């Protein structure tokens, strides 16, 4: 028997012994083979599988970062295009049964929304309803800030190519102060491959991904994001997947409708007020503005004390005696007797 044969027999014996030992441990401690352990993939129900299959067939919202070179002015020829966002637009429409504040958005697999709790907090705290311009301004500002920071990082990397430039002298020191703090943080987290520090390209990728992701963020005010319903619509003579938001927003039922919106209905769009009153009056929602409700309450409050008392319970002889003994009117006398 050769030495190679003996080594092979020893390997087989060692593997067999190890296999037997692991089987005994699994049988006595982990109830093997009844307990097969954790599954490799989760067990999806038929409904989950249908949802995953539906999402996989959706198109992607195509964007490009940075913006494609398409100069239209002489300044853009030398300095590049102004960075633009490729936002997913909301398309509002009116319907005689669905109402006036319905809208739809194209359904993409990479679309994402705010959480319901955050969307609700923004609407209730900052009185944001149909007009999402303040949120879009913030979104655009963050996008531009990330792009500016991206180009600063890119220019900082290019300084390594010019050995004659000392980056720790003015004016380059200001650029170092703006960018090196995050590079120092990433240096301890990113790997080093063949002596090359990958923190700078990884950082550029992260910043670019964050800026590009803002293109896929959609605000659904006055609805909550979870109120959207997938559907199909004919757009440009093509049947496309969309997400529909229609009927009455849930926040308008659980919380008061913004007073500015009710003022707009009452003063300029009575057709919207009439529609809301006709279709949702059974929900006991206030569709009148606060000033009108206040006037109605004050008028009701002034007339309630006399109406709520039973005048028949006042003795007739007392009323007649008071009439003969004074020059007051009947209503003034009754009011004095009640009070």
Protein backbone atom coordinates (compact mmCIF):
# COMPACT_ATOMS: atom_id res chain seq x y z
CA UNK A 1 0.00 0.00 0.00
CA UNK A 2 1.43 3.32 -1.03
CA UNK A 3 1.62 6.44 1.10
CA UNK A 4 -0.98 8.21 -1.07
CA UNK A 5 -3.42 5.34 -0.47
CA UNK A 6 -2.94 5.57 3.28
CA UNK A 7 -3.52 9.33 3.26
CA UNK A 8 -6.70 8.86 1.24
CA UNK A 9 -7.98 6.20 3.67
CA UNK A 10 -7.21 8.51 6.58
CA UNK A 11 -9.15 11.34 4.93
CA UNK A 12 -12.15 9.13 4.31
CA UNK A 13 -12.10 7.83 7.90
CA UNK A 14 -11.83 11.38 9.29
CA UNK A 15 -14.70 12.66 7.15
CA UNK A 16 -16.86 9.65 8.07
CA UNK A 17 -16.19 10.13 11.79
CA UNK A 18 -16.95 13.85 11.55
CA UNK A 19 -20.16 13.13 9.62
CA UNK A 20 -21.30 10.62 12.24
CA UNK A 21 -20.50 13.03 15.08
CA UNK A 22 -22.44 15.90 13.50
CA UNK A 23 -25.43 13.65 12.83
CA UNK A 24 -25.53 12.53 16.48
CA UNK A 25 -25.36 16.14 17.69
CA UNK A 26 -28.12 17.19 15.28
CA UNK A 27 -30.31 14.22 16.26
CA UNK A 28 -30.01 14.53 20.04
CA UNK A 29 -29.91 18.32 20.39
CA UNK A 30 -31.80 19.72 17.38
CA UNK A 31 -34.31 16.87 16.77
CA UNK A 32 -32.98 15.95 13.34
CA UNK A 33 -34.42 14.84 10.86
CA UNK A 34 -37.83 16.15 12.03
CA UNK A 35 -36.31 19.59 12.40
CA UNK A 36 -34.76 20.43 9.06
CA UNK A 37 -33.51 23.85 10.15
CA UNK A 38 -34.10 27.22 8.53
CA UNK A 39 -35.28 27.21 4.91
CA UNK A 40 -32.95 28.59 2.29
CA UNK A 41 -35.67 30.84 0.85
CA UNK A 42 -38.82 32.14 2.59
CA UNK A 43 -42.08 30.37 1.97
CA UNK A 44 -44.22 32.83 0.01
CA UNK A 45 -47.96 32.47 -0.27
CA UNK A 46 -49.71 32.56 -3.63
CA UNK A 47 -50.75 36.15 -3.02
CA UNK A 48 -47.16 37.20 -2.22
CA UNK A 49 -45.90 35.40 -5.30
CA UNK A 50 -48.46 37.15 -7.49
CA UNK A 51 -47.42 40.54 -6.07
CA UNK A 52 -43.73 39.79 -6.66
CA UNK A 53 -44.49 38.65 -10.18
CA UNK A 54 -46.49 41.84 -10.84
CA UNK A 55 -43.68 44.07 -9.56
CA UNK A 56 -41.05 42.23 -11.58
CA UNK A 57 -42.94 43.01 -14.79
CA UNK A 58 -43.17 46.74 -14.11
CA UNK A 59 -40.85 49.10 -16.02
CA UNK A 60 -38.12 51.10 -14.31
CA UNK A 61 -38.04 54.85 -14.01
CA UNK A 62 -35.02 55.68 -16.14
CA UNK A 63 -32.84 58.54 -14.96
CA UNK A 64 -29.31 59.69 -15.61
CA UNK A 65 -26.84 61.17 -13.17
CA UNK A 66 -25.29 63.60 -13.89
CA UNK A 67 -27.63 65.23 -16.39
CA UNK A 68 -26.98 64.35 -20.04
CA UNK A 69 -24.95 66.95 -22.00
CA UNK A 70 -27.50 68.96 -23.94
CA UNK A 71 -26.38 72.61 -23.93
CA UNK A 72 -28.85 75.22 -25.11
CA UNK A 73 -26.91 78.39 -24.24
CA UNK A 74 -23.31 79.51 -24.66
CA UNK A 75 -22.65 79.39 -20.91
CA UNK A 76 -23.82 75.76 -20.83
CA UNK A 77 -21.32 74.95 -23.59
CA UNK A 78 -18.43 75.99 -21.33
CA UNK A 79 -19.76 75.16 -17.86
CA UNK A 80 -22.17 72.30 -18.53
CA UNK A 81 -25.91 71.87 -18.11
CA UNK A 82 -27.90 72.92 -15.11
CA UNK A 83 -28.65 69.70 -13.21
CA UNK A 84 -32.31 68.75 -13.58
CA UNK A 85 -34.43 66.23 -11.76
CA UNK A 86 -36.34 63.50 -13.59
CA UNK A 87 -39.27 63.47 -11.17
CA UNK A 88 -42.31 61.25 -11.47
CA UNK A 89 -45.17 63.66 -12.13
CA UNK A 90 -48.66 63.42 -10.68
CA UNK A 91 -51.53 63.86 -13.14
CA UNK A 92 -54.71 65.26 -11.58
CA UNK A 93 -58.11 64.66 -13.10
CA UNK A 94 -61.75 65.33 -12.25
CA UNK A 95 -64.54 62.79 -12.38
CA UNK A 96 -68.25 63.17 -11.72
CA UNK A 97 -68.34 60.27 -9.25
CA UNK A 98 -64.75 60.14 -7.96
CA UNK A 99 -64.38 63.84 -7.21
CA UNK A 100 -61.99 66.69 -7.95
CA UNK A 101 -58.73 65.66 -6.26
CA UNK A 102 -57.95 62.40 -8.02
CA UNK A 103 -54.55 61.81 -9.55
CA UNK A 104 -52.44 59.00 -10.91
CA UNK A 105 -48.73 58.36 -11.28
CA UNK A 106 -46.92 55.91 -13.57
CA UNK A 107 -46.22 52.68 -11.73
CA UNK A 108 -42.51 51.85 -11.71
CA UNK A 109 -40.72 49.13 -9.80
CA UNK A 110 -38.20 51.62 -8.39
CA UNK A 111 -40.76 54.20 -7.20
CA UNK A 112 -40.80 54.82 -3.47
CA UNK A 113 -42.93 56.91 -1.13
CA UNK A 114 -42.74 58.43 2.31
CA UNK A 115 -43.95 56.26 5.20
CA UNK A 116 -47.59 56.80 6.14
CA UNK A 117 -46.72 58.19 9.56
CA UNK A 118 -44.28 60.73 8.08
CA UNK A 119 -46.71 61.80 5.35
CA UNK A 120 -49.46 62.24 7.93
CA UNK A 121 -47.19 64.24 10.24
CA UNK A 122 -46.13 66.58 7.42
CA UNK A 123 -49.72 67.20 6.36
CA UNK A 124 -51.05 67.87 9.84
CA UNK A 125 -48.09 69.80 11.21
CA UNK A 126 -47.30 72.07 8.25
CA UNK A 127 -50.82 72.27 6.78
CA UNK A 128 -49.75 70.69 3.50
CA UNK A 129 -52.64 69.36 1.48
CA UNK A 130 -52.99 69.42 -2.30
CA UNK A 131 -50.10 71.78 -3.03
CA UNK A 132 -46.78 70.01 -2.39
CA UNK A 133 -44.61 72.88 -3.67
CA UNK A 134 -42.77 73.37 -0.32
CA UNK A 135 -41.79 69.69 -0.24
CA UNK A 136 -40.71 69.77 -3.88
CA UNK A 137 -38.53 72.82 -3.19
CA UNK A 138 -36.85 70.95 -0.33
CA UNK A 139 -36.42 67.90 -2.56
CA UNK A 140 -34.85 70.01 -5.31
CA UNK A 141 -32.58 71.78 -2.79
CA UNK A 142 -31.28 68.50 -1.36
CA UNK A 143 -30.74 67.23 -4.91
CA UNK A 144 -28.70 70.28 -5.88
CA UNK A 145 -26.74 70.14 -2.63
CA UNK A 146 -25.79 66.51 -3.23
CA UNK A 147 -24.74 67.28 -6.80
CA UNK A 148 -22.54 70.19 -5.68
CA UNK A 149 -20.97 67.98 -3.04
CA UNK A 150 -20.47 65.26 -5.67
CA UNK A 151 -18.54 67.63 -7.93
CA UNK A 152 -16.47 68.86 -4.98
CA UNK A 153 -15.47 65.27 -4.19
CA UNK A 154 -14.70 64.63 -7.84
CA UNK A 155 -12.51 67.74 -8.06
CA UNK A 156 -10.76 66.75 -4.83
CA UNK A 157 -9.85 63.42 -6.41
CA UNK A 158 -8.46 65.18 -9.49
CA UNK A 159 -6.06 67.17 -7.32
CA UNK A 160 -4.09 63.94 -6.79
CA UNK A 161 -3.15 64.06 -10.48
CA UNK A 162 -1.30 67.37 -10.10
CA UNK A 163 1.71 66.70 -7.91
CA UNK A 164 2.85 70.30 -8.18
CA UNK A 165 -0.27 71.54 -6.35
CA UNK A 166 -0.11 71.52 -2.58
CA UNK A 167 -3.75 71.01 -1.50
CA UNK A 168 -2.98 72.31 2.01
CA UNK A 169 -2.40 75.87 0.78
CA UNK A 170 -4.97 78.50 -0.09
CA UNK A 171 -7.34 78.33 -1.87
CA UNK A 172 -7.23 74.51 -1.96
CA UNK A 173 -7.35 74.24 1.84
CA UNK A 174 -11.02 75.29 1.77
CA UNK A 175 -11.81 72.41 -0.55
CA UNK A 176 -9.97 70.05 1.80
CA UNK A 177 -12.06 71.27 4.74
CA UNK A 178 -15.30 70.65 2.86
CA UNK A 179 -14.56 67.12 1.66
CA UNK A 180 -11.85 65.42 3.72
CA UNK A 181 -14.01 65.01 6.83
CA UNK A 182 -16.19 62.41 5.12
CA UNK A 183 -13.23 60.82 3.35
CA UNK A 184 -11.54 60.32 6.72
CA UNK A 185 -14.71 58.67 7.98
CA UNK A 186 -14.95 56.36 4.95
CA UNK A 187 -11.24 55.48 5.04
CA UNK A 188 -11.75 53.15 7.98
CA UNK A 189 -14.76 51.43 6.42
CA UNK A 190 -13.79 50.93 2.78
CA UNK A 191 -11.43 48.14 1.70
CA UNK A 192 -7.94 48.56 0.24
CA UNK A 193 -7.35 46.50 -2.91
CA UNK A 194 -3.75 46.09 -4.12
CA UNK A 195 -2.73 49.09 -2.09
CA UNK A 196 -5.42 51.34 -3.60
CA UNK A 197 -7.85 53.07 -1.23
CA UNK A 198 -11.39 52.70 -2.57
CA UNK A 199 -13.01 55.17 -0.18
CA UNK A 200 -13.17 58.00 -2.76
CA UNK A 201 -14.94 56.05 -5.56
CA UNK A 202 -17.25 54.39 -3.05
CA UNK A 203 -18.14 57.76 -1.61
CA UNK A 204 -18.86 59.13 -5.07
CA UNK A 205 -21.12 56.17 -5.74
CA UNK A 206 -23.04 56.65 -2.49
CA UNK A 207 -23.58 60.38 -3.01
CA UNK A 208 -24.61 59.84 -6.63
CA UNK A 209 -27.05 57.10 -5.63
CA UNK A 210 -28.61 59.31 -2.96
CA UNK A 211 -29.08 62.15 -5.46
CA UNK A 212 -30.48 59.84 -8.12
CA UNK A 213 -32.89 58.24 -5.64
CA UNK A 214 -34.62 61.59 -5.09
CA UNK A 215 -35.87 61.35 -8.68
CA UNK A 216 -38.00 58.36 -7.69
CA UNK A 217 -39.58 59.92 -4.59
CA UNK A 218 -43.28 60.79 -5.00
CA UNK A 219 -45.42 62.88 -2.64
CA UNK A 220 -49.04 61.72 -2.43
CA UNK A 221 -50.66 64.59 -0.51
CA UNK A 222 -53.55 64.85 0.39
CA UNK A 223 -53.66 61.04 0.36
CA UNK A 224 -51.51 58.69 2.37
CA UNK A 225 -49.11 56.57 0.27
CA UNK A 226 -50.87 53.34 1.26
CA UNK A 227 -54.16 54.56 -0.25
CA UNK A 228 -52.88 54.06 -3.81
CA UNK A 229 -54.50 51.38 -5.93
CA UNK A 230 -52.62 49.76 -8.85
CA UNK A 231 -54.49 49.92 -12.13
CA UNK A 232 -54.19 50.51 -15.85
CA UNK A 233 -55.02 53.59 -17.93
CA UNK A 234 -54.82 54.60 -21.57
CA UNK A 235 -52.02 57.18 -21.81
CA UNK A 236 -50.90 58.40 -25.24
CA UNK A 237 -52.91 55.59 -26.87
CA UNK A 238 -51.03 53.01 -24.80
CA UNK A 239 -52.24 50.90 -21.88
CA UNK A 240 -49.88 51.65 -18.98
CA UNK A 241 -49.62 50.61 -15.35
CA UNK A 242 -50.49 53.41 -12.94
CA UNK A 243 -51.16 53.95 -9.24
CA UNK A 244 -54.53 55.64 -8.65
CA UNK A 245 -55.42 57.95 -5.76
CA UNK A 246 -59.08 58.90 -5.75
CA UNK A 247 -62.26 59.59 -3.76
CA UNK A 248 -61.97 61.10 -0.26
CA UNK A 249 -58.54 61.13 1.46
CA UNK A 250 -58.61 59.31 4.78
CA UNK A 251 -57.01 62.25 6.60
CA UNK A 252 -59.98 64.45 5.62
CA UNK A 253 -62.21 62.02 7.47
CA UNK A 254 -60.14 61.48 10.62
CA UNK A 255 -58.93 65.12 10.87
CA UNK A 256 -60.37 68.51 9.89
CA UNK A 257 -59.89 69.54 6.28
CA UNK A 258 -57.40 72.47 6.04
CA UNK A 259 -59.26 75.75 6.50
CA UNK A 260 -57.51 77.40 3.53
CA UNK A 261 -58.87 74.68 1.26
CA UNK A 262 -62.39 75.06 2.62
CA UNK A 263 -62.16 78.82 2.12
CA UNK A 264 -61.18 78.22 -1.49
CA UNK A 265 -64.18 75.95 -2.01
CA UNK A 266 -66.61 78.39 -0.39
CA UNK A 267 -65.35 81.53 -2.17
CA UNK A 268 -64.25 80.27 -5.60
CA UNK A 269 -65.30 76.66 -6.19
CA UNK A 270 -68.80 76.05 -4.88
CA UNK A 271 -69.05 73.10 -7.24
CA UNK A 272 -66.43 71.28 -5.17
CA UNK A 273 -68.24 72.18 -1.94
CA UNK A 274 -71.57 70.96 -3.33
CA UNK A 275 -69.99 67.70 -4.47
CA UNK A 276 -68.41 67.08 -1.06
CA UNK A 277 -71.64 67.96 0.74
CA UNK A 278 -73.71 65.72 -1.52
CA UNK A 279 -71.49 62.63 -1.40
CA UNK A 280 -69.91 62.77 2.06
CA UNK A 281 -72.40 64.61 4.28
CA UNK A 282 -73.22 61.34 6.08
CA UNK A 283 -69.66 61.28 7.45
CA UNK A 284 -70.32 64.47 9.48
CA UNK A 285 -67.33 66.31 8.02
CA UNK A 286 -67.15 70.11 8.20
CA UNK A 287 -66.87 71.42 4.63
CA UNK A 288 -67.59 75.07 5.51
CA UNK A 289 -64.68 77.34 6.48
CA UNK A 290 -64.04 78.04 10.15
CA UNK A 291 -65.34 81.61 10.03
CA UNK A 292 -68.71 80.46 8.69
CA UNK A 293 -68.91 77.69 11.27
CA UNK A 294 -68.09 80.22 13.98
CA UNK A 295 -70.89 82.54 12.86
CA UNK A 296 -73.36 79.66 12.78
CA UNK A 297 -72.30 78.60 16.25
CA UNK A 298 -72.62 82.11 17.67
CA UNK A 299 -76.09 82.59 16.19
CA UNK A 300 -77.20 79.24 17.53
CA UNK A 301 -75.71 80.06 20.93
CA UNK A 302 -77.67 83.33 21.13
CA UNK A 303 -81.04 81.76 20.30
CA UNK A 304 -80.63 78.55 22.29
CA UNK A 305 -81.39 79.77 25.89
CA UNK A 306 -84.93 80.94 25.08
CA UNK A 307 -85.75 78.03 22.82
CA UNK A 308 -84.58 75.34 25.23
CA UNK A 309 -86.85 76.46 28.11
CA UNK A 310 -90.45 75.37 28.25
CA UNK A 311 -92.44 78.60 28.37
CA UNK A 312 -95.66 76.71 29.09
CA UNK A 313 -94.34 75.89 32.56
CA UNK A 314 -94.39 79.61 33.55
CA UNK A 315 -97.63 80.49 35.40
CA UNK A 316 -100.04 82.58 33.32
CA UNK A 317 -101.10 84.82 36.18
CA UNK A 318 -97.45 85.71 36.80
CA UNK A 319 -97.00 86.81 33.18
CA UNK A 320 -100.23 88.86 33.24
CA UNK A 321 -99.28 90.53 36.51
CA UNK A 322 -95.90 91.48 35.10
CA UNK A 323 -97.47 92.88 31.92
CA UNK A 324 -99.76 95.18 33.88
CA UNK A 325 -97.00 96.33 36.20
CA UNK A 326 -94.44 97.26 33.54
CA UNK A 327 -94.11 98.57 30.02
CA UNK A 328 -91.80 95.77 28.80
CA UNK A 329 -92.54 93.63 25.76
CA UNK A 330 -93.71 90.03 26.09
CA UNK A 331 -90.38 88.59 24.90
CA UNK A 332 -88.38 90.76 27.30
CA UNK A 333 -90.58 89.72 30.22
CA UNK A 334 -90.28 86.02 29.40
CA UNK A 335 -86.54 86.33 29.07
CA UNK A 336 -86.32 88.08 32.47
CA UNK A 337 -88.45 85.39 34.08
CA UNK A 338 -86.27 82.60 32.67
CA UNK A 339 -83.02 84.16 33.77
